[in-house]
Amino acid sequence: MAWMYILRCSNGAFYTGSTAQDIEARVWQHNEGLGANFTRKHRPVELVYCETWDRVDDAYTREKQVQGWSRAKKQALIDGEYGRLPALSRGRANSRRGAEE
């Protein structure tokens, strides 16, 4: 089993990661300064979202997808507002903005 996860850092920023470890152990590592350089500088962190995957490479692919999302789109995912995700796509927002200008 593997995980894709989102942490909320002490400065309010989101950190997106993936791991094949137990998720609680990975969050502990981040809080102990043993995780990513970014979270080391912005501790403590709080787990706000996670997904399970059968394979770590699938969790990593999902991590990279979510990393590219806007803060608003990540927040909608965290809040379980899945119906809002398509409207929050950067591509859709940019194409609408271009049509309005």
PDB file of N, CA and C in Angstrom:
ATOM      1  N   MET A   1       0.841  -1.176   0.000  1.00  0.00           N
ATOM      2  CA  MET A   1       0.000   0.000   0.000  1.00  0.00           C
ATOM      3  C   MET A   1       0.888   1.241   0.000  1.00  0.00           C
ATOM      4  N   ALA A   2       0.426   2.280  -0.677  1.00  0.00           N
ATOM      5  CA  ALA A   2       1.140   3.546  -0.762  1.00  0.00           C
ATOM      6  C   ALA A   2       0.149   4.685  -0.510  1.00  0.00           C
ATOM      7  N   TRP A   3       0.697   5.841  -0.258  1.00  0.00           N
ATOM      8  CA  TRP A   3      -0.123   7.003   0.087  1.00  0.00           C
ATOM      9  C   TRP A   3       0.278   8.228  -0.726  1.00  0.00           C
ATOM     10  N   MET A   4      -0.701   9.031  -1.098  1.00  0.00           N
ATOM     11  CA  MET A   4      -0.495  10.410  -1.532  1.00  0.00           C
ATOM     12  C   MET A   4      -1.124  11.229  -0.425  1.00  0.00           C
ATOM     13  N   TYR A   5      -0.429  12.255   0.033  1.00  0.00           N
ATOM     14  CA  TYR A   5      -0.923  12.999   1.182  1.00  0.00           C
ATOM     15  C   TYR A   5      -0.674  14.492   1.030  1.00  0.00           C
ATOM     16  N   ILE A   6      -1.470  15.257   1.767  1.00  0.00           N
ATOM     17  CA  ILE A   6      -1.293  16.705   1.833  1.00  0.00           C
ATOM     18  C   ILE A   6      -1.153  17.080   3.300  1.00  0.00           C
ATOM     19  N   LEU A   7      -0.111  17.862   3.589  1.00  0.00           N
ATOM     20  CA  LEU A   7       0.119  18.384   4.925  1.00  0.00           C
ATOM     21  C   LEU A   7      -0.139  19.883   4.930  1.00  0.00           C
ATOM     22  N   ARG A   8      -0.678  20.385   6.024  1.00  0.00           N
ATOM     23  CA  ARG A   8      -0.758  21.833   6.224  1.00  0.00           C
ATOM     24  C   ARG A   8       0.405  22.193   7.138  1.00  0.00           C
ATOM     25  N   CYS A   9       1.250  23.093   6.679  1.00  0.00           N
ATOM     26  CA  CYS A   9       2.428  23.504   7.437  1.00  0.00           C
ATOM     27  C   CYS A   9       2.079  24.650   8.379  1.00  0.00           C
ATOM     28  N   SER A  10       2.991  24.946   9.301  1.00  0.00           N
ATOM     29  CA  SER A  10       2.747  25.978  10.313  1.00  0.00           C
ATOM     30  C   SER A  10       2.502  27.354   9.700  1.00  0.00           C
ATOM     31  N   ASN A  11       3.012  27.599   8.497  1.00  0.00           N
ATOM     32  CA  ASN A  11       2.801  28.878   7.832  1.00  0.00           C
ATOM     33  C   ASN A  11       1.538  28.877   6.964  1.00  0.00           C
ATOM     34  N   GLY A  12       0.762  27.794   7.025  1.00  0.00           N
ATOM     35  CA  GLY A  12      -0.479  27.692   6.251  1.00  0.00           C
ATOM     36  C   GLY A  12      -0.315  27.100   4.870  1.00  0.00           C
ATOM     37  N   ALA A  13       0.923  26.918   4.425  1.00  0.00           N
ATOM     38  CA  ALA A  13       1.175  26.350   3.096  1.00  0.00           C
ATOM     39  C   ALA A  13       0.847  24.860   3.100  1.00  0.00           C
ATOM     40  N   PHE A  14       0.521  24.348   1.919  1.00  0.00           N
ATOM     41  CA  PHE A  14       0.293  22.923   1.747  1.00  0.00           C
ATOM     42  C   PHE A  14       1.557  22.282   1.196  1.00  0.00           C
ATOM     43  N   TYR A  15       1.837  21.073   1.670  1.00  0.00           N
ATOM     44  CA  TYR A  15       2.919  20.253   1.140  1.00  0.00           C
ATOM     45  C   TYR A  15       2.283  18.951   0.670  1.00  0.00           C
ATOM     46  N   THR A  16       2.555  18.556  -0.560  1.00  0.00           N
ATOM     47  CA  THR A  16       2.012  17.327  -1.121  1.00  0.00           C
ATOM     48  C   THR A  16       3.146  16.329  -1.285  1.00  0.00           C
ATOM     49  N   GLY A  17       2.909  15.098  -0.816  1.00  0.00           N
ATOM     50  CA  GLY A  17       3.934  14.072  -0.899  1.00  0.00           C
ATOM     51  C   GLY A  17       3.333  12.702  -1.158  1.00  0.00           C
ATOM     52  N   SER A  18       4.207  11.726  -1.287  1.00  0.00           N
ATOM     53  CA  SER A  18       3.771  10.339  -1.445  1.00  0.00           C
ATOM     54  C   SER A  18       4.776   9.453  -0.721  1.00  0.00           C
ATOM     55  N   THR A  19       4.308   8.287  -0.288  1.00  0.00           N
ATOM     56  CA  THR A  19       5.168   7.377   0.449  1.00  0.00           C
ATOM     57  C   THR A  19       4.617   5.959   0.392  1.00  0.00           C
ATOM     58  N   ALA A  20       5.505   5.001   0.579  1.00  0.00           N
ATOM     59  CA  ALA A  20       5.094   3.611   0.741  1.00  0.00           C
ATOM     60  C   ALA A  20       5.084   3.234   2.221  1.00  0.00           C
ATOM     61  N   GLN A  21       5.510   4.158   3.075  1.00  0.00           N
ATOM     62  CA  GLN A  21       5.520   3.938   4.519  1.00  0.00           C
ATOM     63  C   GLN A  21       4.111   4.074   5.097  1.00  0.00           C
ATOM     64  N   ASP A  22       3.987   3.681   6.350  1.00  0.00           N
ATOM     65  CA  ASP A  22       2.779   3.968   7.111  1.00  0.00           C
ATOM     66  C   ASP A  22       2.617   5.491   7.174  1.00  0.00           C
ATOM     67  N   ILE A  23       1.411   5.977   6.914  1.00  0.00           N
ATOM     68  CA  ILE A  23       1.206   7.425   6.806  1.00  0.00           C
ATOM     69  C   ILE A  23       1.494   8.144   8.124  1.00  0.00           C
ATOM     70  N   GLU A  24       1.099   7.556   9.245  1.00  0.00           N
ATOM     71  CA  GLU A  24       1.358   8.204  10.534  1.00  0.00           C
ATOM     72  C   GLU A  24       2.856   8.323  10.802  1.00  0.00           C
ATOM     73  N   ALA A  25       3.603   7.285  10.423  1.00  0.00           N
ATOM     74  CA  ALA A  25       5.050   7.319  10.586  1.00  0.00           C
ATOM     75  C   ALA A  25       5.668   8.402   9.711  1.00  0.00           C
ATOM     76  N   ARG A  26       5.145   8.565   8.509  1.00  0.00           N
ATOM     77  CA  ARG A  26       5.690   9.586   7.602  1.00  0.00           C
ATOM     78  C   ARG A  26       5.409  10.986   8.131  1.00  0.00           C
ATOM     79  N   VAL A  27       4.213  11.227   8.640  1.00  0.00           N
ATOM     80  CA  VAL A  27       3.893  12.540   9.212  1.00  0.00           C
ATOM     81  C   VAL A  27       4.800  12.803  10.415  1.00  0.00           C
ATOM     82  N   TRP A  28       5.024  11.789  11.238  1.00  0.00           N
ATOM     83  CA  TRP A  28       5.933  11.917  12.382  1.00  0.00           C
ATOM     84  C   TRP A  28       7.322  12.337  11.909  1.00  0.00           C
ATOM     85  N   GLN A  29       7.800  11.703  10.842  1.00  0.00           N
ATOM     86  CA  GLN A  29       9.117  12.051  10.305  1.00  0.00           C
ATOM     87  C   GLN A  29       9.164  13.518   9.894  1.00  0.00           C
ATOM     88  N   HIS A  30       8.118  13.976   9.205  1.00  0.00           N
ATOM     89  CA  HIS A  30       8.082  15.386   8.813  1.00  0.00           C
ATOM     90  C   HIS A  30       8.163  16.276  10.044  1.00  0.00           C
ATOM     91  N   ASN A  31       7.419  15.949  11.079  1.00  0.00           N
ATOM     92  CA  ASN A  31       7.407  16.772  12.291  1.00  0.00           C
ATOM     93  C   ASN A  31       8.707  16.696  13.083  1.00  0.00           C
ATOM     94  N   GLU A  32       9.473  15.639  12.891  1.00  0.00           N
ATOM     95  CA  GLU A  32      10.769  15.503  13.549  1.00  0.00           C
ATOM     96  C   GLU A  32      11.904  16.120  12.723  1.00  0.00           C
ATOM     97  N   GLY A  33      11.568  16.692  11.575  1.00  0.00           N
ATOM     98  CA  GLY A  33      12.591  17.288  10.723  1.00  0.00           C
ATOM     99  C   GLY A  33      13.291  16.288   9.831  1.00  0.00           C
ATOM    100  N   LEU A  34      12.724  15.093   9.696  1.00  0.00           N
ATOM    101  CA  LEU A  34      13.324  14.036   8.894  1.00  0.00           C
ATOM    102  C   LEU A  34      12.668  13.894   7.524  1.00  0.00           C
ATOM    103  N   GLY A  35      11.743  14.803   7.215  1.00  0.00           N
ATOM    104  CA  GLY A  35      11.045  14.764   5.930  1.00  0.00           C
ATOM    105  C   GLY A  35      11.699  15.701   4.944  1.00  0.00           C
ATOM    106  N   ALA A  36      10.903  16.261   4.101  1.00  0.00           N
ATOM    107  CA  ALA A  36      11.378  17.172   3.060  1.00  0.00           C
ATOM    108  C   ALA A  36      11.953  18.456   3.666  1.00  0.00           C
ATOM    109  N   ASN A  37      12.853  19.080   2.945  1.00  0.00           N
ATOM    110  CA  ASN A  37      13.456  20.330   3.384  1.00  0.00           C
ATOM    111  C   ASN A  37      12.388  21.395   3.653  1.00  0.00           C
ATOM    112  N   PHE A  38      11.360  21.447   2.804  1.00  0.00           N
ATOM    113  CA  PHE A  38      10.306  22.454   2.978  1.00  0.00           C
ATOM    114  C   PHE A  38       9.592  22.277   4.311  1.00  0.00           C
ATOM    115  N   THR A  39       9.194  21.050   4.635  1.00  0.00           N
ATOM    116  CA  THR A  39       8.463  20.843   5.883  1.00  0.00           C
ATOM    117  C   THR A  39       9.381  21.016   7.089  1.00  0.00           C
ATOM    118  N   ARG A  40      10.647  20.744   6.928  1.00  0.00           N
ATOM    119  CA  ARG A  40      11.608  20.935   8.017  1.00  0.00           C
ATOM    120  C   ARG A  40      11.624  22.390   8.460  1.00  0.00           C
ATOM    121  N   LYS A  41      11.439  23.290   7.510  1.00  0.00           N
ATOM    122  CA  LYS A  41      11.465  24.730   7.804  1.00  0.00           C
ATOM    123  C   LYS A  41      10.113  25.267   8.255  1.00  0.00           C
ATOM    124  N   HIS A  42       9.056  24.476   8.129  1.00  0.00           N
ATOM    125  CA  HIS A  42       7.702  24.963   8.408  1.00  0.00           C
ATOM    126  C   HIS A  42       6.936  24.015   9.330  1.00  0.00           C
ATOM    127  N   ARG A  43       7.611  23.537  10.364  1.00  0.00           N
ATOM    128  CA  ARG A  43       6.987  22.651  11.341  1.00  0.00           C
ATOM    129  C   ARG A  43       6.281  23.458  12.410  1.00  0.00           C
ATOM    130  N   PRO A  44       5.303  22.873  13.048  1.00  0.00           N
ATOM    131  CA  PRO A  44       4.781  21.525  12.857  1.00  0.00           C
ATOM    132  C   PRO A  44       3.879  21.446  11.626  1.00  0.00           C
ATOM    133  N   VAL A  45       3.665  20.219  11.183  1.00  0.00           N
ATOM    134  CA  VAL A  45       2.765  19.965  10.060  1.00  0.00           C
ATOM    135  C   VAL A  45       1.597  19.126  10.550  1.00  0.00           C
ATOM    136  N   GLU A  46       0.500  19.217   9.811  1.00  0.00           N
ATOM    137  CA  GLU A  46      -0.711  18.462  10.145  1.00  0.00           C
ATOM    138  C   GLU A  46      -1.202  17.754   8.885  1.00  0.00           C
ATOM    139  N   LEU A  47      -1.509  16.480   8.999  1.00  0.00           N
ATOM    140  CA  LEU A  47      -2.074  15.735   7.878  1.00  0.00           C
ATOM    141  C   LEU A  47      -3.510  16.198   7.670  1.00  0.00           C
ATOM    142  N   VAL A  48      -3.811  16.707   6.461  1.00  0.00           N
ATOM    143  CA  VAL A  48      -5.162  17.195   6.190  1.00  0.00           C
ATOM    144  C   VAL A  48      -5.875  16.384   5.111  1.00  0.00           C
ATOM    145  N   TYR A  49      -5.117  15.531   4.392  1.00  0.00           N
ATOM    146  CA  TYR A  49      -5.737  14.730   3.335  1.00  0.00           C
ATOM    147  C   TYR A  49      -4.800  13.588   2.983  1.00  0.00           C
ATOM    148  N   CYS A  50      -5.372  12.422   2.670  1.00  0.00           N
ATOM    149  CA  CYS A  50      -4.565  11.325   2.137  1.00  0.00           C
ATOM    150  C   CYS A  50      -5.426  10.388   1.301  1.00  0.00           C
ATOM    151  N   GLU A  51      -4.778   9.736   0.357  1.00  0.00           N
ATOM    152  CA  GLU A  51      -5.389   8.719  -0.496  1.00  0.00           C
ATOM    153  C   GLU A  51      -4.493   7.490  -0.462  1.00  0.00           C
ATOM    154  N   THR A  52      -5.098   6.327  -0.540  1.00  0.00           N
ATOM    155  CA  THR A  52      -4.305   5.098  -0.625  1.00  0.00           C
ATOM    156  C   THR A  52      -4.230   4.638  -2.079  1.00  0.00           C
ATOM    157  N   TRP A  53      -3.120   4.034  -2.400  1.00  0.00           N
ATOM    158  CA  TRP A  53      -2.854   3.496  -3.735  1.00  0.00           C
ATOM    159  C   TRP A  53      -2.219   2.129  -3.583  1.00  0.00           C
ATOM    160  N   ASP A  54      -2.437   1.268  -4.543  1.00  0.00           N
ATOM    161  CA  ASP A  54      -1.849  -0.063  -4.499  1.00  0.00           C
ATOM    162  C   ASP A  54      -0.345  -0.037  -4.746  1.00  0.00           C
ATOM    163  N   ARG A  55       0.084   0.921  -5.571  1.00  0.00           N
ATOM    164  CA  ARG A  55       1.500   0.975  -5.944  1.00  0.00           C
ATOM    165  C   ARG A  55       2.057   2.359  -5.665  1.00  0.00           C
ATOM    166  N   VAL A  56       3.288   2.429  -5.203  1.00  0.00           N
ATOM    167  CA  VAL A  56       3.898   3.709  -4.872  1.00  0.00           C
ATOM    168  C   VAL A  56       4.073   4.579  -6.108  1.00  0.00           C
ATOM    169  N   ASP A  57       4.309   3.982  -7.276  1.00  0.00           N
ATOM    170  CA  ASP A  57       4.458   4.820  -8.471  1.00  0.00           C
ATOM    171  C   ASP A  57       3.137   5.493  -8.845  1.00  0.00           C
ATOM    172  N   ASP A  58       2.006   4.855  -8.543  1.00  0.00           N
ATOM    173  CA  ASP A  58       0.709   5.495  -8.778  1.00  0.00           C
ATOM    174  C   ASP A  58       0.491   6.640  -7.788  1.00  0.00           C
ATOM    175  N   ALA A  59       0.889   6.439  -6.529  1.00  0.00           N
ATOM    176  CA  ALA A  59       0.788   7.507  -5.530  1.00  0.00           C
ATOM    177  C   ALA A  59       1.673   8.684  -5.926  1.00  0.00           C
ATOM    178  N   TYR A  60       2.853   8.391  -6.451  1.00  0.00           N
ATOM    179  CA  TYR A  60       3.774   9.445  -6.891  1.00  0.00           C
ATOM    180  C   TYR A  60       3.199  10.221  -8.081  1.00  0.00           C
ATOM    181  N   THR A  61       2.597   9.512  -9.015  1.00  0.00           N
ATOM    182  CA  THR A  61       1.964  10.173 -10.160  1.00  0.00           C
ATOM    183  C   THR A  61       0.861  11.111  -9.684  1.00  0.00           C
ATOM    184  N   ARG A  62       0.049  10.639  -8.745  1.00  0.00           N
ATOM    185  CA  ARG A  62      -1.021  11.472  -8.183  1.00  0.00           C
ATOM    186  C   ARG A  62      -0.430  12.669  -7.434  1.00  0.00           C
ATOM    187  N   GLU A  63       0.654  12.457  -6.686  1.00  0.00           N
ATOM    188  CA  GLU A  63       1.333  13.554  -5.991  1.00  0.00           C
ATOM    189  C   GLU A  63       1.701  14.654  -6.973  1.00  0.00           C
ATOM    190  N   LYS A  64       2.324  14.274  -8.072  1.00  0.00           N
ATOM    191  CA  LYS A  64       2.760  15.267  -9.065  1.00  0.00           C
ATOM    192  C   LYS A  64       1.563  15.986  -9.683  1.00  0.00           C
ATOM    193  N   GLN A  65       0.460  15.275  -9.884  1.00  0.00           N
ATOM    194  CA  GLN A  65      -0.745  15.908 -10.414  1.00  0.00           C
ATOM    195  C   GLN A  65      -1.250  16.970  -9.440  1.00  0.00           C
ATOM    196  N   VAL A  66      -1.401  16.592  -8.179  1.00  0.00           N
ATOM    197  CA  VAL A  66      -1.959  17.507  -7.179  1.00  0.00           C
ATOM    198  C   VAL A  66      -0.998  18.654  -6.884  1.00  0.00           C
ATOM    199  N   GLN A  67       0.293  18.419  -6.948  1.00  0.00           N
ATOM    200  CA  GLN A  67       1.266  19.502  -6.727  1.00  0.00           C
ATOM    201  C   GLN A  67       1.058  20.649  -7.710  1.00  0.00           C
ATOM    202  N   GLY A  68       0.603  20.340  -8.900  1.00  0.00           N
ATOM    203  CA  GLY A  68       0.391  21.369  -9.908  1.00  0.00           C
ATOM    204  C   GLY A  68      -0.909  22.144  -9.743  1.00  0.00           C
ATOM    205  N   TRP A  69      -1.713  21.762  -8.787  1.00  0.00           N
ATOM    206  CA  TRP A  69      -3.008  22.415  -8.589  1.00  0.00           C
ATOM    207  C   TRP A  69      -2.867  23.715  -7.814  1.00  0.00           C
ATOM    208  N   SER A  70      -3.839  24.580  -8.006  1.00  0.00           N
ATOM    209  CA  SER A  70      -3.903  25.821  -7.246  1.00  0.00           C
ATOM    210  C   SER A  70      -4.242  25.507  -5.786  1.00  0.00           C
ATOM    211  N   ARG A  71      -4.002  26.461  -4.919  1.00  0.00           N
ATOM    212  CA  ARG A  71      -4.352  26.306  -3.508  1.00  0.00           C
ATOM    213  C   ARG A  71      -5.851  26.073  -3.345  1.00  0.00           C
ATOM    214  N   ALA A  72      -6.662  26.800  -4.107  1.00  0.00           N
ATOM    215  CA  ALA A  72      -8.122  26.655  -4.018  1.00  0.00           C
ATOM    216  C   ALA A  72      -8.558  25.247  -4.408  1.00  0.00           C
ATOM    217  N   LYS A  73      -7.938  24.697  -5.432  1.00  0.00           N
ATOM    218  CA  LYS A  73      -8.300  23.346  -5.873  1.00  0.00           C
ATOM    219  C   LYS A  73      -7.878  22.315  -4.829  1.00  0.00           C
ATOM    220  N   LYS A  74      -6.684  22.482  -4.241  1.00  0.00           N
ATOM    221  CA  LYS A  74      -6.257  21.586  -3.166  1.00  0.00           C
ATOM    222  C   LYS A  74      -7.217  21.676  -1.980  1.00  0.00           C
ATOM    223  N   GLN A  75      -7.651  22.883  -1.645  1.00  0.00           N
ATOM    224  CA  GLN A  75      -8.568  23.054  -0.517  1.00  0.00           C
ATOM    225  C   GLN A  75      -9.896  22.369  -0.796  1.00  0.00           C
ATOM    226  N   ALA A  76     -10.378  22.448  -2.018  1.00  0.00           N
ATOM    227  CA  ALA A  76     -11.624  21.754  -2.379  1.00  0.00           C
ATOM    228  C   ALA A  76     -11.456  20.236  -2.227  1.00  0.00           C
ATOM    229  N   LEU A  77     -10.314  19.699  -2.626  1.00  0.00           N
ATOM    230  CA  LEU A  77     -10.039  18.279  -2.456  1.00  0.00           C
ATOM    231  C   LEU A  77     -10.035  17.914  -0.973  1.00  0.00           C
ATOM    232  N   ILE A  78      -9.349  18.695  -0.172  1.00  0.00           N
ATOM    233  CA  ILE A  78      -9.274  18.468   1.270  1.00  0.00           C
ATOM    234  C   ILE A  78     -10.669  18.504   1.892  1.00  0.00           C
ATOM    235  N   ASP A  79     -11.491  19.450   1.441  1.00  0.00           N
ATOM    236  CA  ASP A  79     -12.843  19.627   1.981  1.00  0.00           C
ATOM    237  C   ASP A  79     -13.846  18.618   1.434  1.00  0.00           C
ATOM    238  N   GLY A  80     -13.414  17.785   0.484  1.00  0.00           N
ATOM    239  CA  GLY A  80     -14.310  16.792  -0.104  1.00  0.00           C
ATOM    240  C   GLY A  80     -15.302  17.389  -1.082  1.00  0.00           C
ATOM    241  N   GLU A  81     -15.015  18.557  -1.596  1.00  0.00           N
ATOM    242  CA  GLU A  81     -15.884  19.244  -2.551  1.00  0.00           C
ATOM    243  C   GLU A  81     -15.454  18.884  -3.971  1.00  0.00           C
ATOM    244  N   TYR A  82     -15.601  17.614  -4.291  1.00  0.00           N
ATOM    245  CA  TYR A  82     -15.098  17.085  -5.562  1.00  0.00           C
ATOM    246  C   TYR A  82     -15.778  17.700  -6.775  1.00  0.00           C
ATOM    247  N   GLY A  83     -17.034  18.093  -6.643  1.00  0.00           N
ATOM    248  CA  GLY A  83     -17.752  18.713  -7.746  1.00  0.00           C
ATOM    249  C   GLY A  83     -17.174  20.055  -8.159  1.00  0.00           C
ATOM    250  N   ARG A  84     -16.429  20.702  -7.265  1.00  0.00           N
ATOM    251  CA  ARG A  84     -15.812  21.996  -7.575  1.00  0.00           C
ATOM    252  C   ARG A  84     -14.491  21.861  -8.328  1.00  0.00           C
ATOM    253  N   LEU A  85     -13.905  20.673  -8.329  1.00  0.00           N
ATOM    254  CA  LEU A  85     -12.566  20.511  -8.901  1.00  0.00           C
ATOM    255  C   LEU A  85     -12.474  20.904 -10.374  1.00  0.00           C
ATOM    256  N   PRO A  86     -13.411  20.478 -11.240  1.00  0.00           N
ATOM    257  CA  PRO A  86     -13.277  20.866 -12.649  1.00  0.00           C
ATOM    258  C   PRO A  86     -13.294  22.383 -12.863  1.00  0.00           C
ATOM    259  N   ALA A  87     -14.137  23.089 -12.126  1.00  0.00           N
ATOM    260  CA  ALA A  87     -14.222  24.541 -12.291  1.00  0.00           C
ATOM    261  C   ALA A  87     -12.966  25.246 -11.789  1.00  0.00           C
ATOM    262  N   LEU A  88     -12.231  24.604 -10.903  1.00  0.00           N
ATOM    263  CA  LEU A  88     -11.026  25.207 -10.348  1.00  0.00           C
ATOM    264  C   LEU A  88      -9.769  24.871 -11.144  1.00  0.00           C
ATOM    265  N   SER A  89      -9.932  24.153 -12.238  1.00  0.00           N
ATOM    266  CA  SER A  89      -8.787  23.830 -13.086  1.00  0.00           C
ATOM    267  C   SER A  89      -8.176  25.100 -13.635  1.00  0.00           C
ATOM    268  N   ARG A  90      -6.866  25.191 -13.607  1.00  0.00           N
ATOM    269  CA  ARG A  90      -6.186  26.370 -14.157  1.00  0.00           C
ATOM    270  C   ARG A  90      -6.472  26.517 -15.645  1.00  0.00           C
ATOM    271  N   GLY A  91      -6.492  25.398 -16.358  1.00  0.00           N
ATOM    272  CA  GLY A  91      -6.760  25.439 -17.794  1.00  0.00           C
ATOM    273  C   GLY A  91      -8.136  25.999 -18.106  1.00  0.00           C
ATOM    274  N   ARG A  92      -9.142  25.560 -17.331  1.00  0.00           N
ATOM    275  CA  ARG A  92     -10.497  26.070 -17.546  1.00  0.00           C
ATOM    276  C   ARG A  92     -10.587  27.542 -17.192  1.00  0.00           C
ATOM    277  N   ALA A  93      -9.958  27.950 -16.094  1.00  0.00           N
ATOM    278  CA  ALA A  93      -9.996  29.352 -15.679  1.00  0.00           C
ATOM    279  C   ALA A  93      -9.313  30.221 -16.731  1.00  0.00           C
ATOM    280  N   ASN A  94      -8.169  29.742 -17.242  1.00  0.00           N
ATOM    281  CA  ASN A  94      -7.444  30.514 -18.245  1.00  0.00           C
ATOM    282  C   ASN A  94      -8.224  30.604 -19.546  1.00  0.00           C
ATOM    283  N   SER A  95      -8.899  29.514 -19.953  1.00  0.00           N
ATOM    284  CA  SER A  95      -9.644  29.551 -21.213  1.00  0.00           C
ATOM    285  C   SER A  95     -10.865  30.457 -21.084  1.00  0.00           C
ATOM    286  N   ARG A  96     -11.490  30.483 -19.921  1.00  0.00           N
ATOM    287  CA  ARG A  96     -12.625  31.383 -19.713  1.00  0.00           C
ATOM    288  C   ARG A  96     -12.166  32.825 -19.684  1.00  0.00           C
ATOM    289  N   ARG A  97     -11.045  33.089 -19.023  1.00  0.00           N
ATOM    290  CA  ARG A  97     -10.531  34.452 -18.932  1.00  0.00           C
ATOM    291  C   ARG A  97     -10.211  34.964 -20.329  1.00  0.00           C
ATOM    292  N   GLY A  98      -9.607  34.103 -21.145  1.00  0.00           N
ATOM    293  CA  GLY A  98      -9.270  34.514 -22.504  1.00  0.00           C
ATOM    294  C   GLY A  98     -10.512  34.818 -23.334  1.00  0.00           C
ATOM    295  N   ALA A  99     -11.587  34.091 -23.109  1.00  0.00           N
ATOM    296  CA  ALA A  99     -12.832  34.305 -23.850  1.00  0.00           C
ATOM    297  C   ALA A  99     -13.519  35.598 -23.417  1.00  0.00           C
ATOM    298  N   GLU A 100     -13.274  36.009 -22.154  1.00  0.00           N
ATOM    299  CA  GLU A 100     -13.933  37.204 -21.632  1.00  0.00           C
ATOM    300  C   GLU A 100     -13.191  38.462 -22.009  1.00  0.00           C
ATOM    301  N   GLU A 101     -11.909  38.358 -22.321  1.00  0.00           N
ATOM    302  CA  GLU A 101     -11.100  39.552 -22.601  1.00  0.00           C
ATOM    303  C   GLU A 101     -11.300  40.040 -24.010  1.00  0.00           C
TER     304      GLU A 101
END
